[in-house]
Amino acid sequence: MDNRTFTNNILLVEGLKVTPQASYLVFILLFLFYIFAMGCNIGLIILIAMEKNLHHPMHFLFCNLPVNDIIGTTVILPRLMQDIFRQTSERYITYVECVIQAYFVHVFATAMAIMIGLSVHLSHCRSKIENPFCDNASLYKLSCENVSINNMFGIIYSVAALSISLTLMFITYIRIVAVCIISKNKALNSKAIKTCGSHIAVYLIMFVSCAIMIFLHRFPEYAEHRKLASIMFHIVPPGLNPIVYGLQTKEIRQKIVKLWWGKKVNML
């Protein structure tokens, strides 16, 4: 294989920088989190699919979230765990595989798919992915062309998306607070605080890690901070979402409790 073919078709993923002593601990933590996230999300989908009482639009809407979480986690974690035991100089990925991974990382947003399209059309003269996994920003960093259009589109989209998300979040909670104040119903207020508190916690993790991940791509000196934020953004919410949105729903919670106690009774 000549150098040009190697450069064009095979990329080197930087991955996580962990010492050989810490590699097993990091692998076990990532593996346990992956099993937990997959089990919770798949279990939620199966529960909604099998229970006819849960065949309502709201519960089918819940299925969209775990499906996205399963896809997002699966395209990142297995390869990331595999790369932990490889030397940094042996963490290869083909360009096509990298583009596919980047697409599924951003599959939740059509605009991000457009950005990946812009990145794919750029010629690339570098072969190193400066990230634990492939994403749009990593793809256009491979190019030696003028990527100002990609940068501009990426910054405008990111600022707009984060601003709209934060604004809608703020408006939603203002309305919830207003309803709680007007109703003066202690049970309703307690349920709203419980639900909103857990939702805000997940949202803040996603919002802060996403913002750090996006903007630190422009500052190479903070690469390790960006890597940590990118991993948190893609692996923490998938494990928390089924708990926050599943167990907080009365019908789903009752079905889980019924199944759990039913199994315990049968065992006795």
Protein backbone atom coordinates (compact mmCIF):
# COMPACT_ATOMS: atom_id res chain seq x y z
CA MET A 1 0.00 0.00 0.00
CA ASP A 2 1.55 3.33 -1.01
CA ASN A 3 1.59 6.35 1.31
CA ARG A 4 -1.00 8.26 -0.69
CA THR A 5 -3.52 5.41 -0.55
CA PHE A 6 -2.83 4.98 3.15
CA THR A 7 -3.37 8.68 3.83
CA ASN A 8 -6.56 8.89 1.81
CA ASN A 9 -8.30 5.72 2.96
CA ILE A 10 -6.98 4.85 6.43
CA LEU A 11 -7.27 7.21 9.39
CA LEU A 12 -5.72 7.08 12.83
CA VAL A 13 -8.08 7.71 15.75
CA GLU A 14 -6.41 9.44 18.67
CA GLY A 15 -8.79 7.86 21.18
CA LEU A 16 -8.37 8.10 24.94
CA LYS A 17 -4.97 8.58 26.45
CA VAL A 18 -4.88 6.11 29.33
CA THR A 19 -1.95 4.36 30.94
CA PRO A 20 -1.67 0.55 30.66
CA GLN A 21 -2.35 0.33 34.41
CA ALA A 22 -5.59 2.28 34.13
CA SER A 23 -6.80 0.72 30.86
CA TYR A 24 -8.58 -2.22 32.54
CA LEU A 25 -10.39 0.04 35.01
CA VAL A 26 -11.50 2.41 32.25
CA PHE A 27 -12.65 -0.52 30.12
CA ILE A 28 -14.67 -2.05 32.98
CA LEU A 29 -16.35 1.28 33.77
CA LEU A 30 -17.27 1.90 30.13
CA PHE A 31 -18.43 -1.71 29.69
CA LEU A 32 -20.66 -1.60 32.78
CA PHE A 33 -22.14 1.70 31.70
CA TYR A 34 -22.76 0.36 28.20
CA ILE A 35 -24.53 -2.75 29.55
CA PHE A 36 -26.60 -0.61 31.93
CA ALA A 37 -27.61 1.89 29.23
CA MET A 38 -28.46 -0.81 26.69
CA GLY A 39 -30.39 -2.88 29.24
CA CYS A 40 -32.47 0.09 30.41
CA ASN A 41 -33.26 1.36 26.91
CA ILE A 42 -34.00 -2.04 25.37
CA GLY A 43 -36.06 -3.00 28.41
CA LEU A 44 -38.13 0.18 28.09
CA ILE A 45 -38.81 -0.48 24.40
CA ILE A 46 -39.80 -4.11 25.05
CA LEU A 47 -42.08 -3.09 27.94
CA ILE A 48 -43.91 -0.50 25.83
CA ALA A 49 -44.17 -2.89 22.87
CA MET A 50 -45.54 -5.82 24.91
CA GLU A 51 -47.96 -4.00 27.18
CA LYS A 52 -51.14 -3.04 25.31
CA ASN A 53 -52.04 -0.54 28.02
CA LEU A 54 -48.95 1.45 27.02
CA HIS A 55 -49.84 1.65 23.32
CA HIS A 56 -50.52 5.38 23.39
CA PRO A 57 -48.91 8.20 21.37
CA MET A 58 -47.07 9.53 24.44
CA HIS A 59 -45.48 6.15 25.17
CA PHE A 60 -44.61 5.54 21.52
CA LEU A 61 -42.91 8.94 21.63
CA PHE A 62 -40.85 7.65 24.55
CA CYS A 63 -39.58 4.85 22.28
CA ASN A 64 -37.88 7.38 20.01
CA LEU A 65 -35.56 8.48 22.81
CA PRO A 66 -34.20 5.02 23.73
CA VAL A 67 -33.79 4.10 20.04
CA ASN A 68 -31.63 7.21 19.53
CA ASP A 69 -29.71 6.42 22.71
CA ILE A 70 -29.07 2.83 21.61
CA ILE A 71 -27.79 3.94 18.20
CA GLY A 72 -25.65 6.76 19.59
CA THR A 73 -24.10 4.60 22.32
CA THR A 74 -23.47 1.59 20.07
CA VAL A 75 -21.64 3.52 17.34
CA ILE A 76 -19.24 4.97 19.92
CA LEU A 77 -18.65 2.80 22.99
CA PRO A 78 -17.76 -0.65 21.54
CA ARG A 79 -15.03 0.78 19.32
CA LEU A 80 -13.85 3.13 22.07
CA MET A 81 -13.48 0.18 24.46
CA GLN A 82 -11.67 -1.83 21.78
CA ASP A 83 -9.19 0.99 21.18
CA ILE A 84 -8.28 1.18 24.87
CA PHE A 85 -6.19 -2.00 24.55
CA ARG A 86 -4.56 -0.90 21.30
CA GLN A 87 -1.44 1.16 20.96
CA THR A 88 -2.18 4.74 19.92
CA SER A 89 -0.33 4.06 16.67
CA GLU A 90 -2.63 1.10 15.84
CA ARG A 91 -6.08 2.65 16.24
CA TYR A 92 -7.00 2.63 12.56
CA ILE A 93 -10.35 3.28 10.94
CA THR A 94 -11.23 3.57 7.26
CA TYR A 95 -12.47 6.91 5.97
CA VAL A 96 -15.84 5.39 5.01
CA GLU A 97 -16.30 3.89 8.50
CA CYS A 98 -15.39 7.25 10.00
CA VAL A 99 -18.02 9.07 7.92
CA ILE A 100 -20.66 6.47 8.85
CA GLN A 101 -19.82 6.81 12.53
CA ALA A 102 -19.96 10.61 12.32
CA TYR A 103 -23.33 10.41 10.58
CA PHE A 104 -24.88 8.28 13.30
CA VAL A 105 -23.31 10.44 16.01
CA HIS A 106 -25.22 13.38 14.51
CA VAL A 107 -28.21 11.45 13.14
CA PHE A 108 -30.60 13.26 15.48
CA ALA A 109 -30.19 16.53 13.54
CA THR A 110 -30.77 17.07 9.82
CA ALA A 111 -28.63 20.20 9.82
CA MET A 112 -25.69 18.20 11.18
CA ALA A 113 -26.14 15.73 8.34
CA ILE A 114 -25.78 18.69 5.95
CA MET A 115 -22.55 19.66 7.72
CA ILE A 116 -21.19 16.14 7.31
CA GLY A 117 -22.04 16.40 3.62
CA LEU A 118 -19.94 19.58 3.43
CA SER A 119 -17.05 17.84 5.20
CA VAL A 120 -17.13 14.74 2.95
CA HIS A 121 -16.76 16.89 -0.17
CA LEU A 122 -13.52 18.38 1.16
CA SER A 123 -10.26 16.79 0.09
CA HIS A 124 -8.19 15.62 3.05
CA CYS A 125 -4.43 15.70 3.47
CA ARG A 126 -4.28 14.58 7.10
CA SER A 127 -4.97 11.15 8.53
CA LYS A 128 -5.41 11.67 12.28
CA ILE A 129 -8.80 11.96 14.03
CA GLU A 130 -8.10 14.15 17.07
CA ASN A 131 -11.03 12.76 19.02
CA PRO A 132 -12.10 9.51 20.76
CA PHE A 133 -14.51 8.92 17.84
CA CYS A 134 -15.39 10.41 14.45
CA ASP A 135 -17.62 13.46 14.26
CA ASN A 136 -18.15 16.32 11.83
CA ALA A 137 -15.54 18.62 13.36
CA SER A 138 -12.94 15.85 13.24
CA LEU A 139 -13.71 15.21 9.57
CA TYR A 140 -13.16 18.76 8.40
CA LYS A 141 -9.96 18.99 10.45
CA LEU A 142 -8.56 16.40 8.02
CA SER A 143 -8.71 18.93 5.21
CA CYS A 144 -6.01 21.41 4.20
CA GLU A 145 -8.56 23.46 2.27
CA ASN A 146 -10.26 26.61 3.49
CA VAL A 147 -12.93 25.32 5.90
CA SER A 148 -14.26 28.74 6.91
CA ILE A 149 -17.70 27.86 5.47
CA ASN A 150 -17.86 24.72 7.62
CA ASN A 151 -16.68 26.63 10.67
CA MET A 152 -19.15 29.44 10.11
CA PHE A 153 -22.07 27.08 9.49
CA GLY A 154 -21.09 24.97 12.48
CA ILE A 155 -20.82 27.92 14.87
CA ILE A 156 -24.08 29.53 13.64
CA TYR A 157 -25.95 26.23 13.87
CA SER A 158 -24.51 25.39 17.30
CA VAL A 159 -25.26 28.81 18.78
CA ALA A 160 -28.78 28.79 17.29
CA ALA A 161 -29.53 25.23 18.45
CA LEU A 162 -28.22 25.82 21.97
CA SER A 163 -29.99 29.18 22.24
CA ILE A 164 -33.34 27.81 21.02
CA SER A 165 -33.03 24.80 23.31
CA LEU A 166 -32.24 26.96 26.33
CA THR A 167 -35.04 29.41 25.51
CA LEU A 168 -37.66 26.68 25.11
CA MET A 169 -36.44 25.08 28.32
CA PHE A 170 -36.75 28.39 30.18
CA ILE A 171 -40.26 29.09 28.82
CA THR A 172 -41.43 25.56 29.65
CA TYR A 173 -40.33 25.77 33.26
CA ILE A 174 -41.72 29.26 33.70
CA ARG A 175 -45.11 27.90 32.65
CA ILE A 176 -44.76 24.91 34.97
CA VAL A 177 -43.90 27.19 37.90
CA ALA A 178 -46.88 29.42 37.06
CA VAL A 179 -49.25 26.42 37.02
CA CYS A 180 -47.88 25.19 40.36
CA ILE A 181 -48.34 28.60 41.96
CA ILE A 182 -51.90 28.95 40.68
CA SER A 183 -53.01 25.41 41.51
CA LYS A 184 -51.69 25.36 45.11
CA ASN A 185 -51.93 21.58 44.93
CA LYS A 186 -49.19 20.08 47.11
CA ALA A 187 -49.31 16.66 45.43
CA LEU A 188 -49.09 18.23 41.96
CA ASN A 189 -46.31 20.59 43.01
CA SER A 190 -44.32 17.76 44.58
CA LYS A 191 -44.63 15.65 41.41
CA ALA A 192 -43.64 18.61 39.22
CA ILE A 193 -40.55 19.37 41.32
CA LYS A 194 -39.50 15.71 41.32
CA THR A 195 -39.92 15.34 37.57
CA CYS A 196 -38.41 18.70 36.65
CA GLY A 197 -35.46 18.30 39.00
CA SER A 198 -34.30 15.07 37.40
CA HIS A 199 -34.97 16.44 33.92
CA ILE A 200 -32.95 19.58 34.59
CA ALA A 201 -30.02 17.48 35.86
CA VAL A 202 -29.87 15.44 32.62
CA TYR A 203 -30.42 18.54 30.51
CA LEU A 204 -27.60 20.47 32.20
CA ILE A 205 -25.18 17.55 31.69
CA MET A 206 -26.09 17.44 28.00
CA PHE A 207 -26.09 21.22 27.53
CA VAL A 208 -22.78 21.93 29.26
CA SER A 209 -20.92 18.95 27.78
CA CYS A 210 -22.29 19.69 24.29
CA ALA A 211 -21.28 23.36 24.49
CA ILE A 212 -17.78 22.45 25.72
CA MET A 213 -17.41 19.75 23.05
CA ILE A 214 -18.44 22.09 20.22
CA PHE A 215 -16.48 25.19 21.14
CA LEU A 216 -13.28 23.51 22.38
CA HIS A 217 -12.84 21.95 18.93
CA ARG A 218 -11.51 25.42 18.03
CA PHE A 219 -8.90 25.33 20.84
CA PRO A 220 -6.42 22.40 20.45
CA GLU A 221 -4.75 23.16 23.79
CA TYR A 222 -7.91 21.97 25.58
CA ALA A 223 -8.17 18.68 23.67
CA GLU A 224 -8.38 16.45 26.77
CA HIS A 225 -11.19 18.55 28.29
CA ARG A 226 -13.06 18.33 24.98
CA LYS A 227 -12.66 14.54 24.87
CA LEU A 228 -14.08 14.17 28.37
CA ALA A 229 -17.04 16.42 27.50
CA SER A 230 -17.74 14.53 24.26
CA ILE A 231 -17.77 11.17 26.06
CA MET A 232 -20.05 12.50 28.80
CA PHE A 233 -22.44 13.92 26.20
CA HIS A 234 -22.79 10.60 24.41
CA ILE A 235 -22.76 8.07 27.27
CA VAL A 236 -24.26 9.70 30.39
CA PRO A 237 -27.72 10.73 29.05
CA PRO A 238 -28.44 7.29 27.48
CA GLY A 239 -28.10 5.73 30.92
CA LEU A 240 -30.16 8.37 32.70
CA ASN A 241 -32.92 8.99 30.16
CA PRO A 242 -34.79 5.68 30.72
CA ILE A 243 -34.79 6.36 34.47
CA VAL A 244 -35.81 10.00 34.20
CA TYR A 245 -38.44 9.66 31.48
CA GLY A 246 -39.46 6.05 32.08
CA LEU A 247 -39.77 5.74 35.84
CA GLN A 248 -41.25 9.22 36.14
CA THR A 249 -44.20 8.09 33.99
CA LYS A 250 -46.85 6.59 36.26
CA GLU A 251 -48.06 3.87 33.86
CA ILE A 252 -44.54 2.65 33.06
CA ARG A 253 -43.50 2.75 36.70
CA GLN A 254 -46.53 0.70 37.73
CA LYS A 255 -45.83 -1.92 35.06
CA ILE A 256 -42.19 -2.24 36.17
CA VAL A 257 -43.21 -2.61 39.82
CA LYS A 258 -45.86 -5.19 38.86
CA LEU A 259 -43.37 -7.22 36.82
CA TRP A 260 -40.74 -7.02 39.54
CA TRP A 261 -43.05 -8.12 42.35
CA GLY A 262 -44.63 -10.74 40.14
CA LYS A 263 -41.23 -12.35 39.58
CA LYS A 264 -40.43 -12.25 43.30
CA VAL A 265 -43.75 -13.91 44.17
CA ASN A 266 -43.17 -16.64 41.58
CA MET A 267 -39.68 -17.28 42.96
CA LEU A 268 -41.14 -17.70 46.44
